[in-house]
Amino acid sequence: MGLRNDIYASVSEALTGDLKDAVTKLDCTRTVTSDYNPMTATATETSVTYSMTGVMYNKEVSYIGSSQESQELKVESGDMDFLVLVDDLTQTPQIDDKCTVATSGVTYRVINYTPDPTGATLVLHLRRHHG
């Protein structure tokens, strides 16, 4: 078994075991613009929806990096991280996707996402969406 499989198995076991009570479901939407018509200056917009489950935690507590990295990412108070298993995704999250916490109705916007070096997990940087 490779390192990626070991990480995937360990995180999966934790999400269904010790961290089961911390698992959160996000319902996400991405607006895709296509078929631009230059004559009418209009485009067709469609929505892509998907859900994912993982663990959400406070970005301020979890963020480890230099102050330069923090300024580049513009980590703000209330930003959150969301850890998800890549193999469990039906869609790969994209920057600016809107994700709503199923239990609270709070909506976040994907600011950034980072896979772990093996590609087993993905950590989303989320910011509360107003509007």
N, C-alpha and C. Protein backbone atom coordinates (compact mmCIF):
# COMPACT_ATOMS: atom_id res chain seq x y z
N MET A 1 0.86 -1.19 0.00
CA MET A 1 0.00 0.00 0.00
C MET A 1 0.90 1.24 0.00
N GLY A 2 0.61 2.22 -0.86
CA GLY A 2 1.41 3.42 -0.96
C GLY A 2 1.04 4.46 0.08
N LEU A 3 1.85 5.48 0.14
CA LEU A 3 1.64 6.56 1.11
C LEU A 3 0.27 7.22 0.92
N ARG A 4 -0.12 7.48 -0.34
CA ARG A 4 -1.43 8.10 -0.60
C ARG A 4 -2.55 7.24 -0.04
N ASN A 5 -2.49 5.95 -0.28
CA ASN A 5 -3.53 5.04 0.23
C ASN A 5 -3.54 5.00 1.75
N ASP A 6 -2.35 5.05 2.36
CA ASP A 6 -2.26 5.06 3.82
C ASP A 6 -2.92 6.32 4.39
N ILE A 7 -2.62 7.47 3.78
CA ILE A 7 -3.21 8.73 4.25
C ILE A 7 -4.72 8.71 4.05
N TYR A 8 -5.15 8.28 2.87
CA TYR A 8 -6.58 8.22 2.59
C TYR A 8 -7.30 7.32 3.61
N ALA A 9 -6.75 6.14 3.85
CA ALA A 9 -7.37 5.21 4.79
C ALA A 9 -7.42 5.78 6.21
N SER A 10 -6.34 6.43 6.64
CA SER A 10 -6.30 7.00 7.99
C SER A 10 -7.31 8.13 8.16
N VAL A 11 -7.36 9.03 7.18
CA VAL A 11 -8.30 10.16 7.27
C VAL A 11 -9.73 9.65 7.17
N SER A 12 -9.98 8.71 6.27
CA SER A 12 -11.32 8.14 6.13
C SER A 12 -11.78 7.48 7.42
N GLU A 13 -10.89 6.74 8.05
CA GLU A 13 -11.20 6.09 9.32
C GLU A 13 -11.51 7.13 10.40
N ALA A 14 -10.74 8.21 10.44
CA ALA A 14 -10.96 9.26 11.44
C ALA A 14 -12.31 9.95 11.20
N LEU A 15 -12.66 10.19 9.94
CA LEU A 15 -13.92 10.88 9.63
C LEU A 15 -15.15 10.04 9.98
N THR A 16 -15.00 8.73 9.96
CA THR A 16 -16.12 7.86 10.33
C THR A 16 -16.01 7.37 11.77
N GLY A 17 -14.90 7.69 12.42
CA GLY A 17 -14.68 7.26 13.80
C GLY A 17 -14.62 8.42 14.76
N ASP A 18 -13.40 8.73 15.20
CA ASP A 18 -13.19 9.76 16.22
C ASP A 18 -13.73 11.14 15.83
N LEU A 19 -13.68 11.49 14.57
CA LEU A 19 -14.12 12.82 14.13
C LEU A 19 -15.56 12.83 13.59
N LYS A 20 -16.26 11.72 13.75
CA LYS A 20 -17.60 11.59 13.18
C LYS A 20 -18.52 12.76 13.56
N ASP A 21 -18.44 13.21 14.80
CA ASP A 21 -19.30 14.31 15.26
C ASP A 21 -18.89 15.66 14.68
N ALA A 22 -17.67 15.76 14.16
CA ALA A 22 -17.19 17.02 13.59
C ALA A 22 -17.39 17.11 12.08
N VAL A 23 -17.86 16.03 11.46
CA VAL A 23 -18.04 16.02 10.01
C VAL A 23 -19.18 16.95 9.62
N THR A 24 -18.92 17.76 8.60
CA THR A 24 -19.87 18.77 8.12
C THR A 24 -20.14 18.52 6.65
N LYS A 25 -21.38 18.75 6.24
CA LYS A 25 -21.73 18.65 4.82
C LYS A 25 -21.83 20.06 4.24
N LEU A 26 -21.20 20.25 3.07
CA LEU A 26 -21.31 21.51 2.34
C LEU A 26 -22.05 21.25 1.03
N ASP A 27 -23.00 22.12 0.72
CA ASP A 27 -23.69 22.11 -0.57
C ASP A 27 -23.14 23.28 -1.37
N CYS A 28 -22.52 22.99 -2.51
CA CYS A 28 -21.79 24.01 -3.26
C CYS A 28 -22.39 24.27 -4.63
N THR A 29 -22.17 25.51 -5.10
CA THR A 29 -22.65 25.93 -6.41
C THR A 29 -21.55 26.71 -7.12
N ARG A 30 -21.43 26.43 -8.41
CA ARG A 30 -20.50 27.17 -9.26
C ARG A 30 -21.29 27.67 -10.46
N THR A 31 -21.17 28.95 -10.77
CA THR A 31 -21.82 29.51 -11.95
C THR A 31 -20.83 29.48 -13.10
N VAL A 32 -21.26 28.85 -14.20
CA VAL A 32 -20.40 28.71 -15.37
C VAL A 32 -21.01 29.52 -16.51
N THR A 33 -20.21 30.38 -17.10
CA THR A 33 -20.66 31.20 -18.22
C THR A 33 -20.12 30.60 -19.52
N SER A 34 -21.01 30.44 -20.49
CA SER A 34 -20.59 29.89 -21.77
C SER A 34 -21.42 30.50 -22.90
N ASP A 35 -21.08 30.14 -24.10
CA ASP A 35 -21.82 30.58 -25.29
C ASP A 35 -21.97 32.09 -25.34
N TYR A 36 -20.87 32.81 -25.24
CA TYR A 36 -20.92 34.27 -25.34
C TYR A 36 -21.27 34.67 -26.78
N ASN A 37 -22.24 35.56 -26.89
CA ASN A 37 -22.65 36.07 -28.19
C ASN A 37 -22.19 37.53 -28.28
N PRO A 38 -21.16 37.80 -29.09
CA PRO A 38 -20.65 39.17 -29.18
C PRO A 38 -21.64 40.15 -29.83
N MET A 39 -22.54 39.64 -30.61
CA MET A 39 -23.52 40.51 -31.27
C MET A 39 -24.51 41.10 -30.26
N THR A 40 -24.89 40.28 -29.28
CA THR A 40 -25.86 40.74 -28.28
C THR A 40 -25.21 41.04 -26.94
N ALA A 41 -23.92 40.74 -26.84
CA ALA A 41 -23.18 40.92 -25.59
C ALA A 41 -23.83 40.16 -24.43
N THR A 42 -24.30 38.97 -24.72
CA THR A 42 -24.90 38.12 -23.69
C THR A 42 -24.21 36.76 -23.68
N ALA A 43 -24.38 36.08 -22.57
CA ALA A 43 -23.82 34.75 -22.42
C ALA A 43 -24.81 33.88 -21.67
N THR A 44 -24.66 32.59 -21.81
CA THR A 44 -25.51 31.64 -21.11
C THR A 44 -24.84 31.28 -19.78
N GLU A 45 -25.59 31.37 -18.71
CA GLU A 45 -25.05 30.98 -17.40
C GLU A 45 -25.78 29.73 -16.93
N THR A 46 -24.99 28.78 -16.44
CA THR A 46 -25.56 27.57 -15.85
C THR A 46 -24.91 27.37 -14.49
N SER A 47 -25.60 26.65 -13.64
CA SER A 47 -25.09 26.37 -12.30
C SER A 47 -24.70 24.90 -12.20
N VAL A 48 -23.55 24.66 -11.62
CA VAL A 48 -23.09 23.31 -11.29
C VAL A 48 -23.22 23.18 -9.79
N THR A 49 -23.93 22.16 -9.33
CA THR A 49 -24.09 21.96 -7.89
C THR A 49 -23.46 20.62 -7.49
N TYR A 50 -22.92 20.60 -6.30
CA TYR A 50 -22.32 19.39 -5.77
C TYR A 50 -22.27 19.50 -4.25
N SER A 51 -22.10 18.37 -3.60
CA SER A 51 -21.99 18.33 -2.13
C SER A 51 -20.70 17.62 -1.75
N MET A 52 -20.23 17.92 -0.57
CA MET A 52 -19.06 17.22 -0.04
C MET A 52 -19.13 17.21 1.47
N THR A 53 -18.49 16.23 2.06
CA THR A 53 -18.41 16.15 3.52
C THR A 53 -16.94 16.16 3.93
N GLY A 54 -16.70 16.77 5.08
CA GLY A 54 -15.35 16.85 5.60
C GLY A 54 -15.38 17.51 6.96
N VAL A 55 -14.24 18.01 7.38
CA VAL A 55 -14.13 18.65 8.69
C VAL A 55 -13.75 20.12 8.49
N MET A 56 -14.55 21.01 9.09
CA MET A 56 -14.31 22.45 9.02
C MET A 56 -13.66 22.90 10.32
N TYR A 57 -12.65 23.74 10.19
CA TYR A 57 -11.98 24.24 11.39
C TYR A 57 -11.46 25.65 11.13
N ASN A 58 -11.22 26.38 12.21
CA ASN A 58 -10.84 27.78 12.16
C ASN A 58 -9.49 27.96 11.49
N LYS A 59 -9.43 28.77 10.46
CA LYS A 59 -8.19 29.01 9.71
C LYS A 59 -7.12 29.68 10.57
N GLU A 60 -7.51 30.59 11.44
CA GLU A 60 -6.53 31.29 12.27
C GLU A 60 -5.75 30.32 13.16
N VAL A 61 -6.43 29.32 13.65
CA VAL A 61 -5.80 28.34 14.53
C VAL A 61 -4.94 27.38 13.71
N SER A 62 -5.41 27.01 12.52
CA SER A 62 -4.74 25.97 11.75
C SER A 62 -3.66 26.50 10.83
N TYR A 63 -3.67 27.79 10.52
CA TYR A 63 -2.74 28.33 9.52
C TYR A 63 -1.33 28.40 10.09
N ILE A 64 -0.42 27.74 9.41
CA ILE A 64 0.98 27.80 9.79
C ILE A 64 1.75 28.29 8.57
N GLY A 65 2.41 29.41 8.68
CA GLY A 65 3.17 29.93 7.56
C GLY A 65 3.76 31.27 7.92
N SER A 66 4.50 31.80 6.98
CA SER A 66 5.13 33.09 7.23
C SER A 66 4.11 34.21 7.14
N SER A 67 4.45 35.35 7.68
CA SER A 67 3.54 36.49 7.60
C SER A 67 3.38 36.94 6.16
N GLN A 68 4.40 36.72 5.32
CA GLN A 68 4.29 37.07 3.90
C GLN A 68 3.22 36.21 3.24
N GLU A 69 3.22 34.89 3.51
CA GLU A 69 2.19 34.01 2.95
C GLU A 69 0.81 34.44 3.43
N SER A 70 0.71 34.79 4.71
CA SER A 70 -0.57 35.21 5.27
C SER A 70 -1.09 36.45 4.57
N GLN A 71 -0.20 37.39 4.28
CA GLN A 71 -0.62 38.61 3.59
C GLN A 71 -1.04 38.30 2.16
N GLU A 72 -0.33 37.39 1.48
CA GLU A 72 -0.69 37.03 0.11
C GLU A 72 -2.06 36.37 0.06
N LEU A 73 -2.34 35.50 1.04
CA LEU A 73 -3.63 34.84 1.08
C LEU A 73 -4.71 35.72 1.71
N LYS A 74 -4.28 36.79 2.38
CA LYS A 74 -5.20 37.69 3.05
C LYS A 74 -6.14 36.92 3.98
N VAL A 75 -5.55 36.18 4.91
CA VAL A 75 -6.33 35.44 5.89
C VAL A 75 -7.03 36.44 6.79
N GLU A 76 -8.35 36.34 6.84
CA GLU A 76 -9.16 37.26 7.63
C GLU A 76 -9.80 36.53 8.80
N SER A 77 -10.15 37.29 9.81
CA SER A 77 -10.85 36.74 10.95
C SER A 77 -12.13 36.05 10.46
N GLY A 78 -12.36 34.85 10.92
CA GLY A 78 -13.55 34.10 10.51
C GLY A 78 -13.32 33.18 9.33
N ASP A 79 -12.15 33.26 8.68
CA ASP A 79 -11.85 32.33 7.60
C ASP A 79 -11.78 30.92 8.17
N MET A 80 -12.17 29.96 7.36
CA MET A 80 -12.20 28.57 7.79
C MET A 80 -11.43 27.70 6.81
N ASP A 81 -10.97 26.56 7.29
CA ASP A 81 -10.42 25.51 6.44
C ASP A 81 -11.42 24.37 6.42
N PHE A 82 -11.45 23.64 5.32
CA PHE A 82 -12.33 22.49 5.19
C PHE A 82 -11.50 21.36 4.59
N LEU A 83 -11.32 20.29 5.34
CA LEU A 83 -10.55 19.13 4.90
C LEU A 83 -11.49 18.09 4.31
N VAL A 84 -11.20 17.67 3.08
CA VAL A 84 -12.05 16.69 2.40
C VAL A 84 -11.16 15.66 1.71
N LEU A 85 -11.66 14.44 1.60
CA LEU A 85 -10.95 13.39 0.87
C LEU A 85 -11.19 13.57 -0.63
N VAL A 86 -10.13 13.61 -1.41
CA VAL A 86 -10.24 13.85 -2.84
C VAL A 86 -11.09 12.78 -3.53
N ASP A 87 -10.92 11.52 -3.16
CA ASP A 87 -11.67 10.44 -3.82
C ASP A 87 -13.17 10.51 -3.55
N ASP A 88 -13.58 11.27 -2.54
CA ASP A 88 -15.01 11.39 -2.22
C ASP A 88 -15.68 12.54 -2.95
N LEU A 89 -14.91 13.33 -3.71
CA LEU A 89 -15.48 14.48 -4.41
C LEU A 89 -16.14 14.06 -5.72
N THR A 90 -17.32 14.63 -5.98
CA THR A 90 -17.97 14.42 -7.28
C THR A 90 -17.59 15.54 -8.25
N GLN A 91 -17.17 16.68 -7.71
CA GLN A 91 -16.67 17.82 -8.47
C GLN A 91 -15.44 18.35 -7.73
N THR A 92 -14.47 18.81 -8.47
CA THR A 92 -13.32 19.45 -7.83
C THR A 92 -13.70 20.90 -7.53
N PRO A 93 -13.65 21.31 -6.26
CA PRO A 93 -13.98 22.70 -5.93
C PRO A 93 -13.07 23.67 -6.68
N GLN A 94 -13.62 24.83 -7.00
CA GLN A 94 -12.88 25.87 -7.71
C GLN A 94 -12.96 27.17 -6.91
N ILE A 95 -11.99 28.05 -7.12
CA ILE A 95 -12.01 29.35 -6.47
C ILE A 95 -13.29 30.07 -6.87
N ASP A 96 -13.93 30.71 -5.91
CA ASP A 96 -15.19 31.46 -6.03
C ASP A 96 -16.45 30.60 -5.99
N ASP A 97 -16.32 29.27 -5.86
CA ASP A 97 -17.51 28.45 -5.63
C ASP A 97 -18.15 28.90 -4.32
N LYS A 98 -19.46 28.86 -4.23
CA LYS A 98 -20.20 29.19 -3.02
C LYS A 98 -20.61 27.88 -2.36
N CYS A 99 -20.28 27.73 -1.08
CA CYS A 99 -20.58 26.50 -0.34
C CYS A 99 -21.35 26.85 0.92
N THR A 100 -22.49 26.19 1.10
CA THR A 100 -23.36 26.44 2.24
C THR A 100 -23.30 25.26 3.20
N VAL A 101 -23.11 25.56 4.48
CA VAL A 101 -23.10 24.53 5.52
C VAL A 101 -24.54 24.03 5.67
N ALA A 102 -24.74 22.74 5.46
CA ALA A 102 -26.08 22.17 5.43
C ALA A 102 -26.84 22.39 6.74
N THR A 103 -26.17 22.31 7.87
CA THR A 103 -26.86 22.40 9.16
C THR A 103 -27.16 23.82 9.60
N SER A 104 -26.35 24.81 9.17
CA SER A 104 -26.53 26.17 9.66
C SER A 104 -27.02 27.15 8.59
N GLY A 105 -26.82 26.81 7.33
CA GLY A 105 -27.21 27.72 6.26
C GLY A 105 -26.20 28.83 5.99
N VAL A 106 -25.07 28.82 6.68
CA VAL A 106 -24.03 29.83 6.48
C VAL A 106 -23.31 29.51 5.17
N THR A 107 -23.11 30.55 4.35
CA THR A 107 -22.48 30.36 3.05
C THR A 107 -21.07 30.93 3.06
N TYR A 108 -20.15 30.16 2.48
CA TYR A 108 -18.75 30.55 2.35
C TYR A 108 -18.37 30.55 0.87
N ARG A 109 -17.32 31.30 0.56
CA ARG A 109 -16.76 31.33 -0.79
C ARG A 109 -15.39 30.67 -0.74
N VAL A 110 -15.08 29.84 -1.72
CA VAL A 110 -13.77 29.20 -1.78
C VAL A 110 -12.74 30.25 -2.21
N ILE A 111 -11.77 30.50 -1.35
CA ILE A 111 -10.71 31.48 -1.60
C ILE A 111 -9.51 30.80 -2.26
N ASN A 112 -9.20 29.60 -1.80
CA ASN A 112 -8.05 28.86 -2.29
C ASN A 112 -8.25 27.40 -1.91
N TYR A 113 -7.50 26.53 -2.52
CA TYR A 113 -7.52 25.12 -2.13
C TYR A 113 -6.13 24.54 -2.35
N THR A 114 -5.76 23.62 -1.46
CA THR A 114 -4.43 23.04 -1.49
C THR A 114 -4.52 21.54 -1.28
N PRO A 115 -4.03 20.76 -2.24
CA PRO A 115 -3.97 19.31 -2.01
C PRO A 115 -2.76 18.97 -1.15
N ASP A 116 -2.85 17.85 -0.42
CA ASP A 116 -1.65 17.41 0.29
C ASP A 116 -0.69 16.83 -0.76
N PRO A 117 0.57 16.66 -0.43
CA PRO A 117 1.55 16.22 -1.44
C PRO A 117 1.22 14.89 -2.12
N THR A 118 0.45 14.04 -1.47
CA THR A 118 0.10 12.75 -2.08
C THR A 118 -1.18 12.82 -2.90
N GLY A 119 -1.95 13.91 -2.74
CA GLY A 119 -3.21 14.04 -3.47
C GLY A 119 -4.38 13.31 -2.83
N ALA A 120 -4.23 12.87 -1.59
CA ALA A 120 -5.30 12.13 -0.91
C ALA A 120 -6.36 13.07 -0.34
N THR A 121 -5.93 14.24 0.13
CA THR A 121 -6.86 15.19 0.74
C THR A 121 -6.72 16.56 0.07
N LEU A 122 -7.74 17.37 0.29
CA LEU A 122 -7.75 18.73 -0.21
C LEU A 122 -8.21 19.62 0.93
N VAL A 123 -7.51 20.73 1.16
CA VAL A 123 -7.92 21.68 2.18
C VAL A 123 -8.40 22.94 1.47
N LEU A 124 -9.66 23.29 1.70
CA LEU A 124 -10.24 24.49 1.12
C LEU A 124 -10.11 25.64 2.09
N HIS A 125 -9.71 26.80 1.61
CA HIS A 125 -9.70 28.04 2.40
C HIS A 125 -11.04 28.71 2.09
N LEU A 126 -11.87 28.86 3.10
CA LEU A 126 -13.22 29.40 2.94
C LEU A 126 -13.37 30.75 3.65
N ARG A 127 -14.13 31.62 3.05
CA ARG A 127 -14.43 32.92 3.64
C ARG A 127 -15.94 33.13 3.59
N ARG A 128 -16.47 33.62 4.69
CA ARG A 128 -17.92 33.86 4.76
C ARG A 128 -18.37 34.77 3.62
N HIS A 129 -19.44 34.35 2.96
CA HIS A 129 -19.97 35.08 1.81
C HIS A 129 -21.14 35.94 2.26
N HIS A 130 -21.09 37.21 1.95
CA HIS A 130 -22.18 38.13 2.29
C HIS A 130 -22.80 38.61 0.98
N GLY A 131 -24.02 38.18 0.76
CA GLY A 131 -24.68 38.69 -0.45
C GLY A 131 -25.33 37.71 -1.27
